[in-house]
Amino acid sequence: MIKEKKSNALPVVPEPTPEPVPVVSVPEQEQLNPLAEMYYAVRRAILTIPERASEPGGEPFFKTVAIDTGQFERLVRSENTETEIPLPAVFIHYTNVRYLVQQQRIGEGRATMRVRFILNTLNNQDPERECDPFHVFQLVNQAIQDAKNHEPALNERCQLIYFDMPTTSNMLQAYWVDYEVWFRETSAWKYRDWIERYLVMPPFTNHSDAPQHDTQGHGNHRRPNDRDAITIEPSVGGDDPEETEDET
């Protein structure tokens, strides 16, 4: 006798497909350094000074504009160890950098920005050329002041306070200009993994205005309606219009 065999195994239930987890947009802070931004702004301003006044936008007058890491002293000392630096040159560094400690001014600071430039005019003792550094100083200051109109880093404060003429310059024309600068720590935010969403605000906008974006089939929302969104409320201290109508 043949018996039919029945399997006692449990039916296989398909595993549910996990729903995709939406990517969360995490803000990433991009910190801007105020001292670096001021240096970049001043550098761009100085490079706008043309080599020839009759050719605006031509070759810049200064061939080198850099952060001062000791090049100025090495150029003007008795033995020049920076012979590879093209001249004229400008070197910028900060002194007396300090931050304010008031509770309302956290992130604000003050500093002295020293702009030191070196010229290489060979006949600098000639009567018609010995005052050239004063004209260059005027051009540098004018370029920095004009940059305030379009350089946000210089908007806080960038005020001329000092000008000096070193006496030991190793046959070069070396000068420096000091500016009192104010700065503020700022930050910008940028978003990674940006996810685009379409929103509706009933009764002003609804899914019927853009049905191609209603991917989940919500349909139009009945509430709130016009009556819920549009109301008339009396101003502060004014008479209630309903009470006024009842009195009349």
C-alpha atoms as a PDB file:
ATOM      1  CA  MET A   1       0.000   0.000   0.000  1.00  0.00           C
ATOM      2  CA  ILE A   2       1.389   3.338  -1.036  1.00  0.00           C
ATOM      3  CA  LYS A   3       0.777   6.248   1.272  1.00  0.00           C
ATOM      4  CA  GLU A   4       0.968   9.824   0.120  1.00  0.00           C
ATOM      5  CA  LYS A   5       3.651  11.681   1.951  1.00  0.00           C
ATOM      6  CA  LYS A   6       2.804  15.138   3.182  1.00  0.00           C
ATOM      7  CA  SER A   7       5.431  17.625   4.004  1.00  0.00           C
ATOM      8  CA  ASN A   8       5.198  19.172   7.448  1.00  0.00           C
ATOM      9  CA  ALA A   9       7.491  22.087   6.514  1.00  0.00           C
ATOM     10  CA  LEU A  10       6.187  25.552   7.225  1.00  0.00           C
ATOM     11  CA  PRO A  11       5.284  27.712   4.245  1.00  0.00           C
ATOM     12  CA  VAL A  12       7.977  30.108   3.169  1.00  0.00           C
ATOM     13  CA  VAL A  13       6.979  33.679   3.911  1.00  0.00           C
ATOM     14  CA  PRO A  14       8.780  36.234   1.768  1.00  0.00           C
ATOM     15  CA  GLU A  15      10.755  38.731   3.758  1.00  0.00           C
ATOM     16  CA  PRO A  16       9.389  42.269   3.568  1.00  0.00           C
ATOM     17  CA  THR A  17      11.428  44.585   1.459  1.00  0.00           C
ATOM     18  CA  PRO A  18      12.904  47.259   3.719  1.00  0.00           C
ATOM     19  CA  GLU A  19      11.892  50.767   2.801  1.00  0.00           C
ATOM     20  CA  PRO A  20      14.771  52.955   1.728  1.00  0.00           C
ATOM     21  CA  VAL A  21      15.919  55.235   4.496  1.00  0.00           C
ATOM     22  CA  PRO A  22      15.914  58.845   3.324  1.00  0.00           C
ATOM     23  CA  VAL A  23      19.265  60.514   3.410  1.00  0.00           C
ATOM     24  CA  VAL A  24      19.432  63.036   6.210  1.00  0.00           C
ATOM     25  CA  SER A  25      21.001  66.319   5.209  1.00  0.00           C
ATOM     26  CA  VAL A  26      23.585  67.115   7.867  1.00  0.00           C
ATOM     27  CA  PRO A  27      24.840  70.689   7.881  1.00  0.00           C
ATOM     28  CA  GLU A  28      28.583  71.009   7.546  1.00  0.00           C
ATOM     29  CA  GLN A  29      30.174  74.117   8.946  1.00  0.00           C
ATOM     30  CA  GLU A  30      32.655  75.911   6.744  1.00  0.00           C
ATOM     31  CA  GLN A  31      34.683  78.270   8.887  1.00  0.00           C
ATOM     32  CA  LEU A  32      36.140  81.398   7.328  1.00  0.00           C
ATOM     33  CA  ASN A  33      39.311  82.755   8.877  1.00  0.00           C
ATOM     34  CA  PRO A  34      38.982  86.558   9.220  1.00  0.00           C
ATOM     35  CA  LEU A  35      42.737  87.244   9.218  1.00  0.00           C
ATOM     36  CA  ALA A  36      43.217  85.190   6.066  1.00  0.00           C
ATOM     37  CA  GLU A  37      40.236  86.855   4.381  1.00  0.00           C
ATOM     38  CA  MET A  38      41.648  90.313   5.183  1.00  0.00           C
ATOM     39  CA  TYR A  39      45.014  89.324   3.749  1.00  0.00           C
ATOM     40  CA  TYR A  40      43.410  88.042   0.541  1.00  0.00           C
ATOM     41  CA  ALA A  41      41.377  91.253   0.253  1.00  0.00           C
ATOM     42  CA  VAL A  42      44.424  93.501   0.720  1.00  0.00           C
ATOM     43  CA  ARG A  43      46.452  91.365  -1.677  1.00  0.00           C
ATOM     44  CA  ARG A  44      43.792  91.709  -4.383  1.00  0.00           C
ATOM     45  CA  ALA A  45      43.655  95.452  -3.765  1.00  0.00           C
ATOM     46  CA  ILE A  46      47.434  95.929  -4.032  1.00  0.00           C
ATOM     47  CA  LEU A  47      47.612  93.909  -7.236  1.00  0.00           C
ATOM     48  CA  THR A  48      45.212  96.385  -8.871  1.00  0.00           C
ATOM     49  CA  ILE A  49      47.925  99.083  -8.793  1.00  0.00           C
ATOM     50  CA  PRO A  50      49.206  99.217 -12.391  1.00  0.00           C
ATOM     51  CA  GLU A  51      52.859  99.414 -13.277  1.00  0.00           C
ATOM     52  CA  ARG A  52      52.098 102.336 -15.574  1.00  0.00           C
ATOM     53  CA  ALA A  53      49.446 104.829 -14.594  1.00  0.00           C
ATOM     54  CA  SER A  54      48.520 105.259 -18.254  1.00  0.00           C
ATOM     55  CA  GLU A  55      47.596 101.552 -18.529  1.00  0.00           C
ATOM     56  CA  PRO A  56      44.901 100.695 -15.959  1.00  0.00           C
ATOM     57  CA  GLY A  57      44.454  96.969 -15.656  1.00  0.00           C
ATOM     58  CA  GLY A  58      47.927  96.263 -17.026  1.00  0.00           C
ATOM     59  CA  GLU A  59      50.837  94.551 -15.310  1.00  0.00           C
ATOM     60  CA  PRO A  60      50.773  95.074 -11.540  1.00  0.00           C
ATOM     61  CA  PHE A  61      53.340  97.418 -10.035  1.00  0.00           C
ATOM     62  CA  PHE A  62      54.271  95.023  -7.240  1.00  0.00           C
ATOM     63  CA  LYS A  63      55.748  91.751  -8.448  1.00  0.00           C
ATOM     64  CA  THR A  64      55.491  90.032  -5.061  1.00  0.00           C
ATOM     65  CA  VAL A  65      52.696  90.201  -2.473  1.00  0.00           C
ATOM     66  CA  ALA A  66      53.045  87.667   0.328  1.00  0.00           C
ATOM     67  CA  ILE A  67      52.680  87.018   4.045  1.00  0.00           C
ATOM     68  CA  ASP A  68      55.738  88.330   5.864  1.00  0.00           C
ATOM     69  CA  THR A  69      57.613  85.416   7.403  1.00  0.00           C
ATOM     70  CA  GLY A  70      60.887  87.301   7.767  1.00  0.00           C
ATOM     71  CA  GLN A  71      61.569  88.174   4.136  1.00  0.00           C
ATOM     72  CA  PHE A  72      61.533  91.914   4.858  1.00  0.00           C
ATOM     73  CA  GLU A  73      64.315  91.702   7.456  1.00  0.00           C
ATOM     74  CA  ARG A  74      66.365  89.338   5.304  1.00  0.00           C
ATOM     75  CA  LEU A  75      66.141  91.770   2.388  1.00  0.00           C
ATOM     76  CA  VAL A  76      67.148  94.929   4.231  1.00  0.00           C
ATOM     77  CA  ARG A  77      69.909  93.435   6.389  1.00  0.00           C
ATOM     78  CA  SER A  78      73.560  93.856   5.465  1.00  0.00           C
ATOM     79  CA  GLU A  79      73.604  90.536   3.588  1.00  0.00           C
ATOM     80  CA  ASN A  80      70.583  89.995   1.378  1.00  0.00           C
ATOM     81  CA  THR A  81      69.549  86.332   1.585  1.00  0.00           C
ATOM     82  CA  GLU A  82      66.311  86.751  -0.388  1.00  0.00           C
ATOM     83  CA  THR A  83      67.773  87.570  -3.790  1.00  0.00           C
ATOM     84  CA  GLU A  84      65.246  85.362  -5.608  1.00  0.00           C
ATOM     85  CA  ILE A  85      62.263  87.548  -4.605  1.00  0.00           C
ATOM     86  CA  PRO A  86      61.123  89.799  -7.476  1.00  0.00           C
ATOM     87  CA  LEU A  87      60.940  93.473  -6.591  1.00  0.00           C
ATOM     88  CA  PRO A  88      59.033  95.696  -5.934  1.00  0.00           C
ATOM     89  CA  ALA A  89      57.540  93.555  -3.184  1.00  0.00           C
ATOM     90  CA  VAL A  90      54.930  93.842  -0.431  1.00  0.00           C
ATOM     91  CA  PHE A  91      54.935  91.793   2.753  1.00  0.00           C
ATOM     92  CA  ILE A  92      51.994  91.731   5.156  1.00  0.00           C
ATOM     93  CA  HIS A  93      51.865  90.531   8.727  1.00  0.00           C
ATOM     94  CA  TYR A  94      49.720  91.047  11.804  1.00  0.00           C
ATOM     95  CA  THR A  95      50.850  92.329  15.181  1.00  0.00           C
ATOM     96  CA  ASN A  96      49.062  92.788  18.497  1.00  0.00           C
ATOM     97  CA  VAL A  97      46.195  90.468  17.593  1.00  0.00           C
ATOM     98  CA  ARG A  98      43.720  90.398  20.474  1.00  0.00           C
ATOM     99  CA  TYR A  99      40.167  89.194  20.987  1.00  0.00           C
ATOM    100  CA  LEU A 100      37.436  90.999  22.893  1.00  0.00           C
ATOM    101  CA  VAL A 101      36.198  89.363  26.073  1.00  0.00           C
ATOM    102  CA  GLN A 102      32.789  91.019  26.412  1.00  0.00           C
ATOM    103  CA  GLN A 103      29.869  88.606  26.394  1.00  0.00           C
ATOM    104  CA  GLN A 104      28.161  90.516  23.580  1.00  0.00           C
ATOM    105  CA  ARG A 105      31.298  90.553  21.402  1.00  0.00           C
ATOM    106  CA  ILE A 106      32.396  86.941  21.397  1.00  0.00           C
ATOM    107  CA  GLY A 107      34.337  86.234  18.223  1.00  0.00           C
ATOM    108  CA  GLU A 108      35.349  89.855  17.624  1.00  0.00           C
ATOM    109  CA  GLY A 109      38.952  91.002  17.617  1.00  0.00           C
ATOM    110  CA  ARG A 110      41.364  93.812  16.904  1.00  0.00           C
ATOM    111  CA  ALA A 111      44.814  93.796  15.338  1.00  0.00           C
ATOM    112  CA  THR A 112      47.452  95.893  13.620  1.00  0.00           C
ATOM    113  CA  MET A 113      48.049  94.960  10.003  1.00  0.00           C
ATOM    114  CA  ARG A 114      51.510  96.012   8.865  1.00  0.00           C
ATOM    115  CA  VAL A 115      51.981  96.427   5.117  1.00  0.00           C
ATOM    116  CA  ARG A 116      55.694  96.700   4.329  1.00  0.00           C
ATOM    117  CA  PHE A 117      56.850  97.384   0.792  1.00  0.00           C
ATOM    118  CA  ILE A 118      60.302  97.480  -0.794  1.00  0.00           C
ATOM    119  CA  LEU A 119      61.242  99.345  -3.962  1.00  0.00           C
ATOM    120  CA  ASN A 120      64.353  98.807  -6.046  1.00  0.00           C
ATOM    121  CA  THR A 121      64.865 102.130  -7.798  1.00  0.00           C
ATOM    122  CA  LEU A 122      68.577 102.397  -8.495  1.00  0.00           C
ATOM    123  CA  ASN A 123      68.684 106.171  -8.800  1.00  0.00           C
ATOM    124  CA  ASN A 124      66.601 106.735  -5.668  1.00  0.00           C
ATOM    125  CA  GLN A 125      68.869 109.594  -4.578  1.00  0.00           C
ATOM    126  CA  ASP A 126      68.058 111.713  -7.617  1.00  0.00           C
ATOM    127  CA  PRO A 127      65.906 114.743  -6.748  1.00  0.00           C
ATOM    128  CA  GLU A 128      63.185 113.699  -9.187  1.00  0.00           C
ATOM    129  CA  ARG A 129      63.004 110.128  -7.795  1.00  0.00           C
ATOM    130  CA  GLU A 130      63.669 110.415  -4.076  1.00  0.00           C
ATOM    131  CA  CYS A 131      59.995 111.070  -3.283  1.00  0.00           C
ATOM    132  CA  ASP A 132      58.696 108.099  -5.263  1.00  0.00           C
ATOM    133  CA  PRO A 133      58.026 106.059  -2.091  1.00  0.00           C
ATOM    134  CA  PHE A 134      55.580 108.684  -0.885  1.00  0.00           C
ATOM    135  CA  HIS A 135      53.616 108.387  -4.105  1.00  0.00           C
ATOM    136  CA  VAL A 136      53.671 104.589  -3.839  1.00  0.00           C
ATOM    137  CA  PHE A 137      52.461 104.826  -0.250  1.00  0.00           C
ATOM    138  CA  GLN A 138      49.573 106.984  -1.439  1.00  0.00           C
ATOM    139  CA  LEU A 139      48.689 104.441  -4.145  1.00  0.00           C
ATOM    140  CA  VAL A 140      48.763 101.550  -1.674  1.00  0.00           C
ATOM    141  CA  ASN A 141      46.546 103.346   0.820  1.00  0.00           C
ATOM    142  CA  GLN A 142      44.120 104.457  -1.884  1.00  0.00           C
ATOM    143  CA  ALA A 143      43.827 100.907  -3.237  1.00  0.00           C
ATOM    144  CA  ILE A 144      43.079  99.506   0.224  1.00  0.00           C
ATOM    145  CA  GLN A 145      40.522 102.216   0.980  1.00  0.00           C
ATOM    146  CA  ASP A 146      38.782 101.688  -2.369  1.00  0.00           C
ATOM    147  CA  ALA A 147      38.612  97.945  -1.690  1.00  0.00           C
ATOM    148  CA  LYS A 148      36.271  98.583   1.239  1.00  0.00           C
ATOM    149  CA  ASN A 149      33.449  99.074  -1.260  1.00  0.00           C
ATOM    150  CA  HIS A 150      33.565  95.461  -2.456  1.00  0.00           C
ATOM    151  CA  GLU A 151      35.637  93.488   0.058  1.00  0.00           C
ATOM    152  CA  PRO A 152      33.500  92.264   3.003  1.00  0.00           C
ATOM    153  CA  ALA A 153      36.606  91.404   5.040  1.00  0.00           C
ATOM    154  CA  LEU A 154      37.510  95.106   5.262  1.00  0.00           C
ATOM    155  CA  ASN A 155      34.038  96.343   6.212  1.00  0.00           C
ATOM    156  CA  GLU A 156      34.541  96.186   9.965  1.00  0.00           C
ATOM    157  CA  ARG A 157      37.445  98.641  10.154  1.00  0.00           C
ATOM    158  CA  CYS A 158      40.675  99.223   8.269  1.00  0.00           C
ATOM    159  CA  GLN A 159      42.067 102.597   9.306  1.00  0.00           C
ATOM    160  CA  LEU A 160      45.500 104.028   8.476  1.00  0.00           C
ATOM    161  CA  ILE A 161      47.416 104.854  11.673  1.00  0.00           C
ATOM    162  CA  TYR A 162      51.174 104.822  10.951  1.00  0.00           C
ATOM    163  CA  PHE A 163      53.804 105.243   8.254  1.00  0.00           C
ATOM    164  CA  ASP A 164      57.545 104.815   8.742  1.00  0.00           C
ATOM    165  CA  MET A 165      60.820 104.970   6.799  1.00  0.00           C
ATOM    166  CA  PRO A 166      63.524 102.584   8.045  1.00  0.00           C
ATOM    167  CA  THR A 167      67.024 104.059   7.841  1.00  0.00           C
ATOM    168  CA  THR A 168      68.824 100.742   7.314  1.00  0.00           C
ATOM    169  CA  SER A 169      67.603  99.351   4.028  1.00  0.00           C
ATOM    170  CA  ASN A 170      70.643  97.799   2.274  1.00  0.00           C
ATOM    171  CA  MET A 171      70.484 100.188  -0.721  1.00  0.00           C
ATOM    172  CA  LEU A 172      66.768  99.432  -1.112  1.00  0.00           C
ATOM    173  CA  GLN A 173      63.775 101.640  -0.425  1.00  0.00           C
ATOM    174  CA  ALA A 174      61.944  99.990   2.437  1.00  0.00           C
ATOM    175  CA  TYR A 175      58.834 101.400   4.104  1.00  0.00           C
ATOM    176  CA  TRP A 176      55.902 100.162   6.109  1.00  0.00           C
ATOM    177  CA  VAL A 177      52.308 101.193   6.706  1.00  0.00           C
ATOM    178  CA  ASP A 178      50.216 100.209   9.736  1.00  0.00           C
ATOM    179  CA  TYR A 179      46.445  99.795   9.742  1.00  0.00           C
ATOM    180  CA  GLU A 180      44.136  99.277  12.669  1.00  0.00           C
ATOM    181  CA  VAL A 181      41.833  96.446  11.638  1.00  0.00           C
ATOM    182  CA  TRP A 182      38.772  94.968  13.280  1.00  0.00           C
ATOM    183  CA  PHE A 183      37.612  91.485  12.465  1.00  0.00           C
ATOM    184  CA  ARG A 184      34.798  89.145  13.346  1.00  0.00           C
ATOM    185  CA  GLU A 185      34.647  85.364  13.362  1.00  0.00           C
ATOM    186  CA  THR A 186      31.985  84.288  10.877  1.00  0.00           C
ATOM    187  CA  SER A 187      30.868  80.941   9.560  1.00  0.00           C
ATOM    188  CA  ALA A 188      28.967  79.757   6.527  1.00  0.00           C
ATOM    189  CA  TRP A 189      26.882  76.614   6.274  1.00  0.00           C
ATOM    190  CA  LYS A 190      26.723  74.279   3.321  1.00  0.00           C
ATOM    191  CA  TYR A 191      24.596  71.157   3.016  1.00  0.00           C
ATOM    192  CA  ARG A 192      25.662  67.759   1.827  1.00  0.00           C
ATOM    193  CA  ASP A 193      23.310  65.126   0.401  1.00  0.00           C
ATOM    194  CA  TRP A 194      20.718  67.695  -0.561  1.00  0.00           C
ATOM    195  CA  ILE A 195      17.215  66.202  -0.912  1.00  0.00           C
ATOM    196  CA  GLU A 196      14.677  68.160  -2.936  1.00  0.00           C
ATOM    197  CA  ARG A 197      11.138  68.283  -1.545  1.00  0.00           C
ATOM    198  CA  TYR A 198       7.884  69.732  -2.865  1.00  0.00           C
ATOM    199  CA  LEU A 199       5.588  71.242  -0.255  1.00  0.00           C
ATOM    200  CA  VAL A 200       1.963  72.348  -0.410  1.00  0.00           C
ATOM    201  CA  MET A 201       0.283  74.928   1.810  1.00  0.00           C
ATOM    202  CA  PRO A 202      -3.496  74.506   1.667  1.00  0.00           C
ATOM    203  CA  PRO A 203      -5.653  76.346   0.810  1.00  0.00           C
ATOM    204  CA  PHE A 204      -3.208  78.483  -1.161  1.00  0.00           C
ATOM    205  CA  THR A 205      -1.429  75.604  -2.892  1.00  0.00           C
ATOM    206  CA  ASN A 206      -2.475  71.980  -3.178  1.00  0.00           C
ATOM    207  CA  HIS A 207      -1.468  68.776  -4.929  1.00  0.00           C
ATOM    208  CA  SER A 208      -3.721  69.555  -7.883  1.00  0.00           C
ATOM    209  CA  ASP A 209      -1.437  72.487  -8.730  1.00  0.00           C
ATOM    210  CA  ALA A 210       1.433  70.076  -9.442  1.00  0.00           C
ATOM    211  CA  PRO A 211       0.029  66.540  -9.757  1.00  0.00           C
ATOM    212  CA  GLN A 212       3.255  65.265 -11.279  1.00  0.00           C
ATOM    213  CA  HIS A 213       4.926  65.686  -7.885  1.00  0.00           C
ATOM    214  CA  ASP A 214       2.194  63.888  -5.917  1.00  0.00           C
ATOM    215  CA  THR A 215       4.051  60.578  -6.079  1.00  0.00           C
ATOM    216  CA  GLN A 216       2.375  59.168  -2.934  1.00  0.00           C
ATOM    217  CA  GLY A 217      -1.174  59.945  -4.057  1.00  0.00           C
ATOM    218  CA  HIS A 218      -2.141  62.273  -1.245  1.00  0.00           C
ATOM    219  CA  GLY A 219      -4.682  64.171  -3.288  1.00  0.00           C
ATOM    220  CA  ASN A 220      -5.977  67.578  -2.293  1.00  0.00           C
ATOM    221  CA  HIS A 221      -6.154  68.392   1.397  1.00  0.00           C
ATOM    222  CA  ARG A 222      -9.590  69.613   2.470  1.00  0.00           C
ATOM    223  CA  ARG A 223      -8.400  71.342   5.600  1.00  0.00           C
ATOM    224  CA  PRO A 224      -7.462  74.022   6.235  1.00  0.00           C
ATOM    225  CA  ASN A 225      -9.853  75.778   3.880  1.00  0.00           C
ATOM    226  CA  ASP A 226     -10.387  79.424   3.047  1.00  0.00           C
ATOM    227  CA  ARG A 227     -12.500  80.023   6.154  1.00  0.00           C
ATOM    228  CA  ASP A 228      -9.796  78.587   8.385  1.00  0.00           C
ATOM    229  CA  ALA A 229      -6.985  80.551   6.813  1.00  0.00           C
ATOM    230  CA  ILE A 230      -8.678  83.906   6.259  1.00  0.00           C
ATOM    231  CA  THR A 231      -9.985  85.563   9.400  1.00  0.00           C
ATOM    232  CA  ILE A 232     -10.540  89.115  10.572  1.00  0.00           C
ATOM    233  CA  GLU A 233      -9.296  89.974  14.021  1.00  0.00           C
ATOM    234  CA  PRO A 234      -9.574  93.346  15.756  1.00  0.00           C
ATOM    235  CA  SER A 235      -6.347  95.249  16.322  1.00  0.00           C
ATOM    236  CA  VAL A 236      -4.989  95.710  19.817  1.00  0.00           C
ATOM    237  CA  GLY A 237      -7.055  98.233  21.706  1.00  0.00           C
ATOM    238  CA  GLY A 238      -9.604  98.569  18.893  1.00  0.00           C
ATOM    239  CA  ASP A 239     -13.340  98.041  19.005  1.00  0.00           C
ATOM    240  CA  ASP A 240     -14.793  94.669  18.127  1.00  0.00           C
ATOM    241  CA  PRO A 241     -16.620  95.133  14.808  1.00  0.00           C
ATOM    242  CA  GLU A 242     -19.270  92.541  15.794  1.00  0.00           C
ATOM    243  CA  GLU A 243     -20.071  94.389  19.024  1.00  0.00           C
ATOM    244  CA  THR A 244     -20.289  97.671  17.099  1.00  0.00           C
ATOM    245  CA  GLU A 245     -22.818  96.162  14.678  1.00  0.00           C
ATOM    246  CA  ASP A 246     -24.937  94.830  17.580  1.00  0.00           C
ATOM    247  CA  GLU A 247     -25.035  98.277  19.204  1.00  0.00           C
ATOM    248  CA  THR A 248     -26.219  99.901  15.994  1.00  0.00           C
END
